[in-house]
PDB file of N, CA and C in Angstrom:
ATOM      1  N   UNK A   1       6.660 -15.031  -4.434  1.00  0.00           N
ATOM      2  CA  UNK A   1       7.315 -14.409  -5.559  1.00  0.00           C
ATOM      3  C   UNK A   1       8.055 -13.158  -5.096  1.00  0.00           C
ATOM      4  N   UNK A   2       9.310 -13.025  -5.468  1.00  0.00           N
ATOM      5  CA  UNK A   2      10.105 -11.847  -5.126  1.00  0.00           C
ATOM      6  C   UNK A   2       9.940 -10.821  -6.241  1.00  0.00           C
ATOM      7  N   UNK A   3       9.636  -9.587  -5.855  1.00  0.00           N
ATOM      8  CA  UNK A   3       9.432  -8.505  -6.822  1.00  0.00           C
ATOM      9  C   UNK A   3      10.489  -7.425  -6.619  1.00  0.00           C
ATOM     10  N   UNK A   4      10.818  -6.699  -7.691  1.00  0.00           N
ATOM     11  CA  UNK A   4      11.742  -5.582  -7.523  1.00  0.00           C
ATOM     12  C   UNK A   4      11.107  -4.508  -6.641  1.00  0.00           C
ATOM     13  N   UNK A   5      11.948  -3.753  -5.949  1.00  0.00           N
ATOM     14  CA  UNK A   5      11.457  -2.760  -4.996  1.00  0.00           C
ATOM     15  C   UNK A   5      12.287  -1.489  -5.124  1.00  0.00           C
ATOM     16  N   UNK A   6      11.619  -0.381  -5.400  1.00  0.00           N
ATOM     17  CA  UNK A   6      12.295   0.913  -5.445  1.00  0.00           C
ATOM     18  C   UNK A   6      12.210   1.624  -4.108  1.00  0.00           C
ATOM     19  N   UNK A   7      11.121   1.366  -3.373  1.00  0.00           N
ATOM     20  CA  UNK A   7      10.953   1.989  -2.062  1.00  0.00           C
ATOM     21  C   UNK A   7      10.228   3.315  -2.089  1.00  0.00           C
ATOM     22  N   UNK A   8       9.344   3.493  -3.077  1.00  0.00           N
ATOM     23  CA  UNK A   8       8.545   4.714  -3.140  1.00  0.00           C
ATOM     24  C   UNK A   8       7.069   4.340  -3.134  1.00  0.00           C
ATOM     25  N   UNK A   9       6.253   5.242  -2.653  1.00  0.00           N
ATOM     26  CA  UNK A   9       4.812   5.098  -2.811  1.00  0.00           C
ATOM     27  C   UNK A   9       4.267   6.449  -3.231  1.00  0.00           C
ATOM     28  N   UNK A  10       3.160   6.415  -3.938  1.00  0.00           N
ATOM     29  CA  UNK A  10       2.565   7.644  -4.451  1.00  0.00           C
ATOM     30  C   UNK A  10       1.466   7.308  -5.427  1.00  0.00           C
ATOM     31  N   UNK A  11       1.257   8.187  -6.407  1.00  0.00           N
ATOM     32  CA  UNK A  11       0.190   7.987  -7.364  1.00  0.00           C
ATOM     33  C   UNK A  11       0.472   8.728  -8.659  1.00  0.00           C
ATOM     34  N   UNK A  12      -0.167   8.243  -9.735  1.00  0.00           N
ATOM     35  CA  UNK A  12      -0.046   8.920 -11.023  1.00  0.00           C
ATOM     36  C   UNK A  12      -0.804  10.232 -10.966  1.00  0.00           C
ATOM     37  N   UNK A  13      -0.228  11.266 -11.558  1.00  0.00           N
ATOM     38  CA  UNK A  13      -0.892  12.567 -11.639  1.00  0.00           C
ATOM     39  C   UNK A  13      -0.845  13.057 -13.081  1.00  0.00           C
ATOM     40  N   UNK A  14      -1.796  13.883 -13.424  1.00  0.00           N
ATOM     41  CA  UNK A  14      -1.840  14.536 -14.721  1.00  0.00           C
ATOM     42  C   UNK A  14      -1.675  16.023 -14.494  1.00  0.00           C
ATOM     43  N   UNK A  15      -0.896  16.670 -15.354  1.00  0.00           N
ATOM     44  CA  UNK A  15      -0.625  18.098 -15.161  1.00  0.00           C
ATOM     45  C   UNK A  15      -1.897  18.932 -15.176  1.00  0.00           C
ATOM     46  N   UNK A  16      -2.938  18.462 -15.898  1.00  0.00           N
ATOM     47  CA  UNK A  16      -4.184  19.220 -15.923  1.00  0.00           C
ATOM     48  C   UNK A  16      -4.786  19.356 -14.521  1.00  0.00           C
ATOM     49  N   UNK A  17      -4.691  18.311 -13.726  1.00  0.00           N
ATOM     50  CA  UNK A  17      -5.204  18.361 -12.359  1.00  0.00           C
ATOM     51  C   UNK A  17      -4.430  19.394 -11.539  1.00  0.00           C
ATOM     52  N   UNK A  18      -3.126  19.406 -11.698  1.00  0.00           N
ATOM     53  CA  UNK A  18      -2.316  20.315 -10.910  1.00  0.00           C
ATOM     54  C   UNK A  18      -2.440  21.766 -11.368  1.00  0.00           C
ATOM     55  N   UNK A  19      -2.874  21.987 -12.611  1.00  0.00           N
ATOM     56  CA  UNK A  19      -3.105  23.353 -13.076  1.00  0.00           C
ATOM     57  C   UNK A  19      -4.217  24.020 -12.291  1.00  0.00           C
ATOM     58  N   UNK A  20      -5.112  23.193 -11.724  1.00  0.00           N
ATOM     59  CA  UNK A  20      -6.200  23.725 -10.900  1.00  0.00           C
ATOM     60  C   UNK A  20      -5.637  24.532  -9.731  1.00  0.00           C
ATOM     61  N   UNK A  21      -4.536  24.065  -9.158  1.00  0.00           N
ATOM     62  CA  UNK A  21      -3.950  24.767  -8.010  1.00  0.00           C
ATOM     63  C   UNK A  21      -2.700  25.540  -8.403  1.00  0.00           C
ATOM     64  N   UNK A  22      -2.464  25.671  -9.715  1.00  0.00           N
ATOM     65  CA  UNK A  22      -1.381  26.492 -10.247  1.00  0.00           C
ATOM     66  C   UNK A  22       0.006  26.052  -9.772  1.00  0.00           C
ATOM     67  N   UNK A  23       0.262  24.747  -9.843  1.00  0.00           N
ATOM     68  CA  UNK A  23       1.581  24.223  -9.512  1.00  0.00           C
ATOM     69  C   UNK A  23       2.271  23.755 -10.781  1.00  0.00           C
ATOM     70  N   UNK A  24       3.586  23.970 -10.903  1.00  0.00           N
ATOM     71  CA  UNK A  24       4.309  23.551 -12.108  1.00  0.00           C
ATOM     72  C   UNK A  24       4.648  22.062 -12.063  1.00  0.00           C
ATOM     73  N   UNK A  25       3.682  21.220 -12.413  1.00  0.00           N
ATOM     74  CA  UNK A  25       3.907  19.782 -12.399  1.00  0.00           C
ATOM     75  C   UNK A  25       3.764  19.212 -13.798  1.00  0.00           C
ATOM     76  N   UNK A  26       4.150  17.957 -13.937  1.00  0.00           N
ATOM     77  CA  UNK A  26       4.088  17.252 -15.211  1.00  0.00           C
ATOM     78  C   UNK A  26       3.381  15.920 -14.994  1.00  0.00           C
ATOM     79  N   UNK A  27       2.993  15.267 -16.092  1.00  0.00           N
ATOM     80  CA  UNK A  27       2.412  13.929 -15.995  1.00  0.00           C
ATOM     81  C   UNK A  27       3.456  12.960 -15.454  1.00  0.00           C
ATOM     82  N   UNK A  28       3.039  12.056 -14.602  1.00  0.00           N
ATOM     83  CA  UNK A  28       3.955  11.052 -14.091  1.00  0.00           C
ATOM     84  C   UNK A  28       3.500  10.515 -12.746  1.00  0.00           C
ATOM     85  N   UNK A  29       4.420   9.830 -12.067  1.00  0.00           N
ATOM     86  CA  UNK A  29       4.151   9.223 -10.766  1.00  0.00           C
ATOM     87  C   UNK A  29       4.658  10.158  -9.668  1.00  0.00           C
ATOM     88  N   UNK A  30       3.741  10.729  -8.912  1.00  0.00           N
ATOM     89  CA  UNK A  30       4.076  11.630  -7.818  1.00  0.00           C
ATOM     90  C   UNK A  30       4.584  10.817  -6.644  1.00  0.00           C
ATOM     91  N   UNK A  31       5.842  11.021  -6.276  1.00  0.00           N
ATOM     92  CA  UNK A  31       6.427  10.313  -5.134  1.00  0.00           C
ATOM     93  C   UNK A  31       5.966  11.018  -3.869  1.00  0.00           C
ATOM     94  N   UNK A  32       5.210  10.295  -3.058  1.00  0.00           N
ATOM     95  CA  UNK A  32       4.692  10.881  -1.825  1.00  0.00           C
ATOM     96  C   UNK A  32       5.530  10.470  -0.616  1.00  0.00           C
ATOM     97  N   UNK A  33       5.946   9.216  -0.551  1.00  0.00           N
ATOM     98  CA  UNK A  33       6.780   8.770   0.569  1.00  0.00           C
ATOM     99  C   UNK A  33       7.933   7.902   0.064  1.00  0.00           C
ATOM    100  N   UNK A  34       9.001   7.890   0.837  1.00  0.00           N
ATOM    101  CA  UNK A  34      10.197   7.097   0.547  1.00  0.00           C
ATOM    102  C   UNK A  34      10.421   6.155   1.732  1.00  0.00           C
ATOM    103  N   UNK A  35      10.642   4.885   1.449  1.00  0.00           N
ATOM    104  CA  UNK A  35      10.928   3.912   2.503  1.00  0.00           C
ATOM    105  C   UNK A  35      12.365   4.080   2.999  1.00  0.00           C
ATOM    106  N   UNK A  36      12.564   4.128   4.314  1.00  0.00           N
ATOM    107  CA  UNK A  36      13.924   4.231   4.860  1.00  0.00           C
ATOM    108  C   UNK A  36      14.792   3.056   4.402  1.00  0.00           C
ATOM    109  N   UNK A  37      16.004   3.351   3.988  1.00  0.00           N
ATOM    110  CA  UNK A  37      16.950   2.326   3.559  1.00  0.00           C
ATOM    111  C   UNK A  37      16.699   1.783   2.162  1.00  0.00           C
ATOM    112  N   UNK A  38      15.729   2.332   1.448  1.00  0.00           N
ATOM    113  CA  UNK A  38      15.372   1.841   0.120  1.00  0.00           C
ATOM    114  C   UNK A  38      16.341   2.349  -0.951  1.00  0.00           C
ATOM    115  N   UNK A  39      16.334   1.699  -2.126  1.00  0.00           N
ATOM    116  CA  UNK A  39      17.129   2.227  -3.238  1.00  0.00           C
ATOM    117  C   UNK A  39      16.766   3.682  -3.557  1.00  0.00           C
ATOM    118  N   UNK A  40      15.495   4.036  -3.453  1.00  0.00           N
ATOM    119  CA  UNK A  40      15.071   5.414  -3.731  1.00  0.00           C
ATOM    120  C   UNK A  40      15.722   6.396  -2.758  1.00  0.00           C
ATOM    121  N   UNK A  41      15.769   6.029  -1.480  1.00  0.00           N
ATOM    122  CA  UNK A  41      16.401   6.910  -0.493  1.00  0.00           C
ATOM    123  C   UNK A  41      17.889   7.049  -0.784  1.00  0.00           C
ATOM    124  N   UNK A  42      18.544   5.937  -1.120  1.00  0.00           N
ATOM    125  CA  UNK A  42      19.982   5.975  -1.419  1.00  0.00           C
ATOM    126  C   UNK A  42      20.294   6.827  -2.632  1.00  0.00           C
ATOM    127  N   UNK A  43      19.361   6.906  -3.583  1.00  0.00           N
ATOM    128  CA  UNK A  43      19.549   7.728  -4.778  1.00  0.00           C
ATOM    129  C   UNK A  43      19.167   9.189  -4.550  1.00  0.00           C
ATOM    130  N   UNK A  44      18.594   9.495  -3.381  1.00  0.00           N
ATOM    131  CA  UNK A  44      18.242  10.886  -3.080  1.00  0.00           C
ATOM    132  C   UNK A  44      16.919  11.342  -3.663  1.00  0.00           C
ATOM    133  N   UNK A  45      16.036  10.400  -3.959  1.00  0.00           N
ATOM    134  CA  UNK A  45      14.708  10.764  -4.463  1.00  0.00           C
ATOM    135  C   UNK A  45      13.925  11.417  -3.329  1.00  0.00           C
ATOM    136  N   UNK A  46      13.161  12.444  -3.665  1.00  0.00           N
ATOM    137  CA  UNK A  46      12.437  13.244  -2.673  1.00  0.00           C
ATOM    138  C   UNK A  46      10.992  12.805  -2.536  1.00  0.00           C
ATOM    139  N   UNK A  47      10.523  12.686  -1.311  1.00  0.00           N
ATOM    140  CA  UNK A  47       9.114  12.448  -1.019  1.00  0.00           C
ATOM    141  C   UNK A  47       8.419  13.775  -0.754  1.00  0.00           C
ATOM    142  N   UNK A  48       7.114  13.742  -0.646  1.00  0.00           N
ATOM    143  CA  UNK A  48       6.335  14.957  -0.416  1.00  0.00           C
ATOM    144  C   UNK A  48       6.256  15.330   1.047  1.00  0.00           C
ATOM    145  N   UNK A  49       5.709  16.517   1.293  1.00  0.00           N
ATOM    146  CA  UNK A  49       5.565  16.991   2.658  1.00  0.00           C
ATOM    147  C   UNK A  49       4.386  17.929   2.836  1.00  0.00           C
ATOM    148  N   UNK A  50       3.636  18.171   1.756  1.00  0.00           N
ATOM    149  CA  UNK A  50       2.512  19.096   1.814  1.00  0.00           C
ATOM    150  C   UNK A  50       1.217  18.347   1.510  1.00  0.00           C
ATOM    151  N   UNK A  51       0.425  17.992   2.548  1.00  0.00           N
ATOM    152  CA  UNK A  51      -0.821  17.273   2.305  1.00  0.00           C
ATOM    153  C   UNK A  51      -1.879  18.196   1.693  1.00  0.00           C
ATOM    154  N   UNK A  52      -2.620  17.654   0.713  1.00  0.00           N
ATOM    155  CA  UNK A  52      -3.646  18.427   0.024  1.00  0.00           C
ATOM    156  C   UNK A  52      -4.723  17.470  -0.461  1.00  0.00           C
ATOM    157  N   UNK A  53      -5.980  17.878  -0.372  1.00  0.00           N
ATOM    158  CA  UNK A  53      -7.094  17.083  -0.884  1.00  0.00           C
ATOM    159  C   UNK A  53      -7.788  17.892  -1.968  1.00  0.00           C
ATOM    160  N   UNK A  54      -7.926  17.270  -3.165  1.00  0.00           N
ATOM    161  CA  UNK A  54      -8.619  17.909  -4.283  1.00  0.00           C
ATOM    162  C   UNK A  54      -9.713  16.960  -4.733  1.00  0.00           C
ATOM    163  N   UNK A  55     -10.940  17.429  -4.694  1.00  0.00           N
ATOM    164  CA  UNK A  55     -12.100  16.636  -5.131  1.00  0.00           C
ATOM    165  C   UNK A  55     -12.102  15.251  -4.483  1.00  0.00           C
ATOM    166  N   UNK A  56     -11.749  15.185  -3.205  1.00  0.00           N
ATOM    167  CA  UNK A  56     -11.776  13.936  -2.467  1.00  0.00           C
ATOM    168  C   UNK A  56     -10.546  13.062  -2.630  1.00  0.00           C
ATOM    169  N   UNK A  57      -9.592  13.460  -3.478  1.00  0.00           N
ATOM    170  CA  UNK A  57      -8.358  12.702  -3.667  1.00  0.00           C
ATOM    171  C   UNK A  57      -7.249  13.362  -2.861  1.00  0.00           C
ATOM    172  N   UNK A  58      -6.582  12.559  -2.032  1.00  0.00           N
ATOM    173  CA  UNK A  58      -5.504  13.084  -1.196  1.00  0.00           C
ATOM    174  C   UNK A  58      -4.163  12.978  -1.920  1.00  0.00           C
ATOM    175  N   UNK A  59      -3.363  14.023  -1.788  1.00  0.00           N
ATOM    176  CA  UNK A  59      -2.023  14.082  -2.359  1.00  0.00           C
ATOM    177  C   UNK A  59      -1.054  14.509  -1.266  1.00  0.00           C
ATOM    178  N   UNK A  60       0.185  14.109  -1.396  1.00  0.00           N
ATOM    179  CA  UNK A  60       1.259  14.599  -0.547  1.00  0.00           C
ATOM    180  C   UNK A  60       2.254  15.236  -1.504  1.00  0.00           C
ATOM    181  N   UNK A  61       2.107  16.546  -1.691  1.00  0.00           N
ATOM    182  CA  UNK A  61       2.876  17.277  -2.699  1.00  0.00           C
ATOM    183  C   UNK A  61       4.273  17.638  -2.218  1.00  0.00           C
ATOM    184  N   UNK A  62       5.128  17.990  -3.159  1.00  0.00           N
ATOM    185  CA  UNK A  62       6.457  18.473  -2.849  1.00  0.00           C
ATOM    186  C   UNK A  62       7.566  17.502  -3.200  1.00  0.00           C
ATOM    187  N   UNK A  63       7.217  16.275  -3.565  1.00  0.00           N
ATOM    188  CA  UNK A  63       8.236  15.287  -3.903  1.00  0.00           C
ATOM    189  C   UNK A  63       8.523  15.255  -5.389  1.00  0.00           C
ATOM    190  N   UNK A  64       9.433  14.371  -5.766  1.00  0.00           N
ATOM    191  CA  UNK A  64       9.750  14.162  -7.174  1.00  0.00           C
ATOM    192  C   UNK A  64       8.538  13.607  -7.913  1.00  0.00           C
ATOM    193  N   UNK A  65       8.516  13.822  -9.212  1.00  0.00           N
ATOM    194  CA  UNK A  65       7.577  13.145 -10.091  1.00  0.00           C
ATOM    195  C   UNK A  65       8.418  12.313 -11.043  1.00  0.00           C
ATOM    196  N   UNK A  66       8.195  10.995 -11.041  1.00  0.00           N
ATOM    197  CA  UNK A  66       8.900  10.116 -11.968  1.00  0.00           C
ATOM    198  C   UNK A  66       8.149  10.197 -13.294  1.00  0.00           C
ATOM    199  N   UNK A  67       8.796  10.768 -14.318  1.00  0.00           N
ATOM    200  CA  UNK A  67       8.143  10.947 -15.612  1.00  0.00           C
ATOM    201  C   UNK A  67       8.449   9.809 -16.578  1.00  0.00           C
ATOM    202  N   UNK A  68       9.601   9.135 -16.381  1.00  0.00           N
ATOM    203  CA  UNK A  68       9.969   8.020 -17.260  1.00  0.00           C
ATOM    204  C   UNK A  68      10.731   6.960 -16.474  1.00  0.00           C
ATOM    205  N   UNK A  69      10.546   5.705 -16.885  1.00  0.00           N
ATOM    206  CA  UNK A  69      11.361   4.595 -16.393  1.00  0.00           C
ATOM    207  C   UNK A  69      12.045   3.997 -17.611  1.00  0.00           C
ATOM    208  N   UNK A  70      13.370   3.974 -17.579  1.00  0.00           N
ATOM    209  CA  UNK A  70      14.167   3.458 -18.697  1.00  0.00           C
ATOM    210  C   UNK A  70      13.736   4.083 -20.024  1.00  0.00           C
ATOM    211  N   UNK A  71      13.455   5.388 -19.987  1.00  0.00           N
ATOM    212  CA  UNK A  71      13.106   6.136 -21.193  1.00  0.00           C
ATOM    213  C   UNK A  71      11.657   6.045 -21.624  1.00  0.00           C
ATOM    214  N   UNK A  72      10.859   5.232 -20.951  1.00  0.00           N
ATOM    215  CA  UNK A  72       9.441   5.067 -21.294  1.00  0.00           C
ATOM    216  C   UNK A  72       8.581   5.933 -20.381  1.00  0.00           C
ATOM    217  N   UNK A  73       7.645   6.711 -20.947  1.00  0.00           N
ATOM    218  CA  UNK A  73       6.839   7.619 -20.129  1.00  0.00           C
ATOM    219  C   UNK A  73       5.856   6.912 -19.205  1.00  0.00           C
ATOM    220  N   UNK A  74       5.676   7.494 -18.031  1.00  0.00           N
ATOM    221  CA  UNK A  74       4.654   7.047 -17.074  1.00  0.00           C
ATOM    222  C   UNK A  74       3.477   8.008 -17.200  1.00  0.00           C
ATOM    223  N   UNK A  75       2.730   7.868 -18.268  1.00  0.00           N
ATOM    224  CA  UNK A  75       1.681   8.844 -18.534  1.00  0.00           C
ATOM    225  C   UNK A  75       0.268   8.296 -18.435  1.00  0.00           C
ATOM    226  N   UNK A  76       0.136   6.982 -18.172  1.00  0.00           N
ATOM    227  CA  UNK A  76      -1.193   6.422 -17.961  1.00  0.00           C
ATOM    228  C   UNK A  76      -1.060   5.129 -17.154  1.00  0.00           C
ATOM    229  N   UNK A  77      -2.129   4.720 -16.480  1.00  0.00           N
ATOM    230  CA  UNK A  77      -2.043   3.544 -15.597  1.00  0.00           C
ATOM    231  C   UNK A  77      -1.636   2.258 -16.312  1.00  0.00           C
ATOM    232  N   UNK A  78      -2.142   2.037 -17.526  1.00  0.00           N
ATOM    233  CA  UNK A  78      -1.818   0.802 -18.246  1.00  0.00           C
ATOM    234  C   UNK A  78      -0.332   0.736 -18.577  1.00  0.00           C
ATOM    235  N   UNK A  79       0.216   1.827 -19.089  1.00  0.00           N
ATOM    236  CA  UNK A  79       1.632   1.875 -19.436  1.00  0.00           C
ATOM    237  C   UNK A  79       2.492   1.713 -18.183  1.00  0.00           C
ATOM    238  N   UNK A  80       2.065   2.308 -17.097  1.00  0.00           N
ATOM    239  CA  UNK A  80       2.818   2.221 -15.847  1.00  0.00           C
ATOM    240  C   UNK A  80       2.862   0.788 -15.336  1.00  0.00           C
ATOM    241  N   UNK A  81       1.719   0.101 -15.348  1.00  0.00           N
ATOM    242  CA  UNK A  81       1.680  -1.301 -14.914  1.00  0.00           C
ATOM    243  C   UNK A  81       2.568  -2.174 -15.799  1.00  0.00           C
ATOM    244  N   UNK A  82       2.529  -1.921 -17.097  1.00  0.00           N
ATOM    245  CA  UNK A  82       3.349  -2.687 -18.041  1.00  0.00           C
ATOM    246  C   UNK A  82       4.830  -2.483 -17.754  1.00  0.00           C
ATOM    247  N   UNK A  83       5.230  -1.228 -17.579  1.00  0.00           N
ATOM    248  CA  UNK A  83       6.641  -0.926 -17.312  1.00  0.00           C
ATOM    249  C   UNK A  83       7.105  -1.547 -16.002  1.00  0.00           C
ATOM    250  N   UNK A  84       6.331  -1.362 -14.947  1.00  0.00           N
ATOM    251  CA  UNK A  84       6.716  -1.897 -13.643  1.00  0.00           C
ATOM    252  C   UNK A  84       6.690  -3.424 -13.633  1.00  0.00           C
ATOM    253  N   UNK A  85       5.756  -4.015 -14.361  1.00  0.00           N
ATOM    254  CA  UNK A  85       5.676  -5.464 -14.444  1.00  0.00           C
ATOM    255  C   UNK A  85       6.827  -6.092 -15.212  1.00  0.00           C
ATOM    256  N   UNK A  86       7.485  -5.309 -16.056  1.00  0.00           N
ATOM    257  CA  UNK A  86       8.599  -5.839 -16.847  1.00  0.00           C
ATOM    258  C   UNK A  86       9.918  -5.836 -16.080  1.00  0.00           C
ATOM    259  N   UNK A  87       9.960  -5.158 -14.936  1.00  0.00           N
ATOM    260  CA  UNK A  87      11.193  -5.085 -14.154  1.00  0.00           C
ATOM    261  C   UNK A  87      11.424  -6.374 -13.381  1.00  0.00           C
ATOM    262  N   UNK A  88      12.686  -6.756 -13.285  1.00  0.00           N
ATOM    263  CA  UNK A  88      13.071  -7.950 -12.538  1.00  0.00           C
ATOM    264  C   UNK A  88      14.050  -7.557 -11.430  1.00  0.00           C
ATOM    265  N   UNK A  89      14.096  -8.358 -10.389  1.00  0.00           N
ATOM    266  CA  UNK A  89      15.039  -8.125  -9.297  1.00  0.00           C
ATOM    267  C   UNK A  89      16.443  -8.077  -9.881  1.00  0.00           C
ATOM    268  N   UNK A  90      17.192  -7.054  -9.515  1.00  0.00           N
ATOM    269  CA  UNK A  90      18.564  -6.899  -9.987  1.00  0.00           C
ATOM    270  C   UNK A  90      18.687  -6.039 -11.233  1.00  0.00           C
ATOM    271  N   UNK A  91      17.563  -5.713 -11.897  1.00  0.00           N
ATOM    272  CA  UNK A  91      17.612  -4.836 -13.068  1.00  0.00           C
ATOM    273  C   UNK A  91      18.095  -3.453 -12.665  1.00  0.00           C
ATOM    274  N   UNK A  92      18.832  -2.844 -13.542  1.00  0.00           N
ATOM    275  CA  UNK A  92      19.203  -1.444 -13.366  1.00  0.00           C
ATOM    276  C   UNK A  92      18.086  -0.591 -13.917  1.00  0.00           C
ATOM    277  N   UNK A  93      17.674   0.413 -13.186  1.00  0.00           N
ATOM    278  CA  UNK A  93      16.549   1.253 -13.585  1.00  0.00           C
ATOM    279  C   UNK A  93      17.023   2.696 -13.708  1.00  0.00           C
ATOM    280  N   UNK A  94      16.702   3.303 -14.844  1.00  0.00           N
ATOM    281  CA  UNK A  94      17.008   4.723 -15.055  1.00  0.00           C
ATOM    282  C   UNK A  94      15.700   5.508 -14.957  1.00  0.00           C
ATOM    283  N   UNK A  95      15.634   6.409 -14.005  1.00  0.00           N
ATOM    284  CA  UNK A  95      14.432   7.214 -13.789  1.00  0.00           C
ATOM    285  C   UNK A  95      14.666   8.634 -14.276  1.00  0.00           C
ATOM    286  N   UNK A  96      13.664   9.191 -14.948  1.00  0.00           N
ATOM    287  CA  UNK A  96      13.674  10.618 -15.259  1.00  0.00           C
ATOM    288  C   UNK A  96      12.749  11.262 -14.244  1.00  0.00           C
ATOM    289  N   UNK A  97      13.284  12.221 -13.503  1.00  0.00           N
ATOM    290  CA  UNK A  97      12.565  12.856 -12.397  1.00  0.00           C
ATOM    291  C   UNK A  97      12.326  14.325 -12.686  1.00  0.00           C
ATOM    292  N   UNK A  98      11.196  14.812 -12.206  1.00  0.00           N
ATOM    293  CA  UNK A  98      10.884  16.236 -12.251  1.00  0.00           C
ATOM    294  C   UNK A  98      10.803  16.704 -10.811  1.00  0.00           C
ATOM    295  N   UNK A  99      11.647  17.686 -10.455  1.00  0.00           N
ATOM    296  CA  UNK A  99      11.668  18.189  -9.083  1.00  0.00           C
ATOM    297  C   UNK A  99      11.963  19.677  -9.092  1.00  0.00           C
ATOM    298  N   UNK A 100      11.067  20.435  -8.487  1.00  0.00           N
ATOM    299  CA  UNK A 100      11.218  21.888  -8.384  1.00  0.00           C
ATOM    300  C   UNK A 100      11.487  22.537  -9.732  1.00  0.00           C
ATOM    301  N   UNK A 101      10.689  22.116 -10.721  1.00  0.00           N
ATOM    302  CA  UNK A 101      10.752  22.736 -12.036  1.00  0.00           C
ATOM    303  C   UNK A 101      11.839  22.250 -12.962  1.00  0.00           C
ATOM    304  N   UNK A 102      12.589  21.215 -12.569  1.00  0.00           N
ATOM    305  CA  UNK A 102      13.688  20.732 -13.402  1.00  0.00           C
ATOM    306  C   UNK A 102      13.599  19.227 -13.588  1.00  0.00           C
ATOM    307  N   UNK A 103      14.077  18.765 -14.754  1.00  0.00           N
ATOM    308  CA  UNK A 103      14.163  17.330 -15.013  1.00  0.00           C
ATOM    309  C   UNK A 103      15.573  16.843 -14.685  1.00  0.00           C
ATOM    310  N   UNK A 104      15.675  15.652 -14.095  1.00  0.00           N
ATOM    311  CA  UNK A 104      16.957  15.006 -13.775  1.00  0.00           C
ATOM    312  C   UNK A 104      16.844  13.548 -14.156  1.00  0.00           C
ATOM    313  N   UNK A 105      17.985  12.903 -14.393  1.00  0.00           N
ATOM    314  CA  UNK A 105      18.006  11.465 -14.647  1.00  0.00           C
ATOM    315  C   UNK A 105      18.780  10.802 -13.530  1.00  0.00           C
ATOM    316  N   UNK A 106      18.194   9.752 -12.943  1.00  0.00           N
ATOM    317  CA  UNK A 106      18.822   8.989 -11.875  1.00  0.00           C
ATOM    318  C   UNK A 106      19.018   7.564 -12.367  1.00  0.00           C
ATOM    319  N   UNK A 107      20.164   6.947 -12.006  1.00  0.00           N
ATOM    320  CA  UNK A 107      20.365   5.566 -12.454  1.00  0.00           C
ATOM    321  C   UNK A 107      20.533   4.621 -11.299  1.00  0.00           C
TER     322      UNK A 107
END
């Protein structure tokens, strides 16, 4: 089965967790790495560069946080799986990104 590919890896984060270390983050998918040559790299999405472990969970901070896909929030694992599962190869995807304290939209 062929699946759509953005070329990012990371994990869902909640702003409450990041308040522990006093970082200005939002709920969403924390982009930790970008695959070379991927659609994400071509769009200029940022990966992380600051490794950190909190309560046994490893993060690579400093990258974009994807807060929405096609206007739908990435605020919990179930919603995220549903949104990603609905994408098909060739679909156009609009991402709302949070990076360095600002929101941006990428298409």
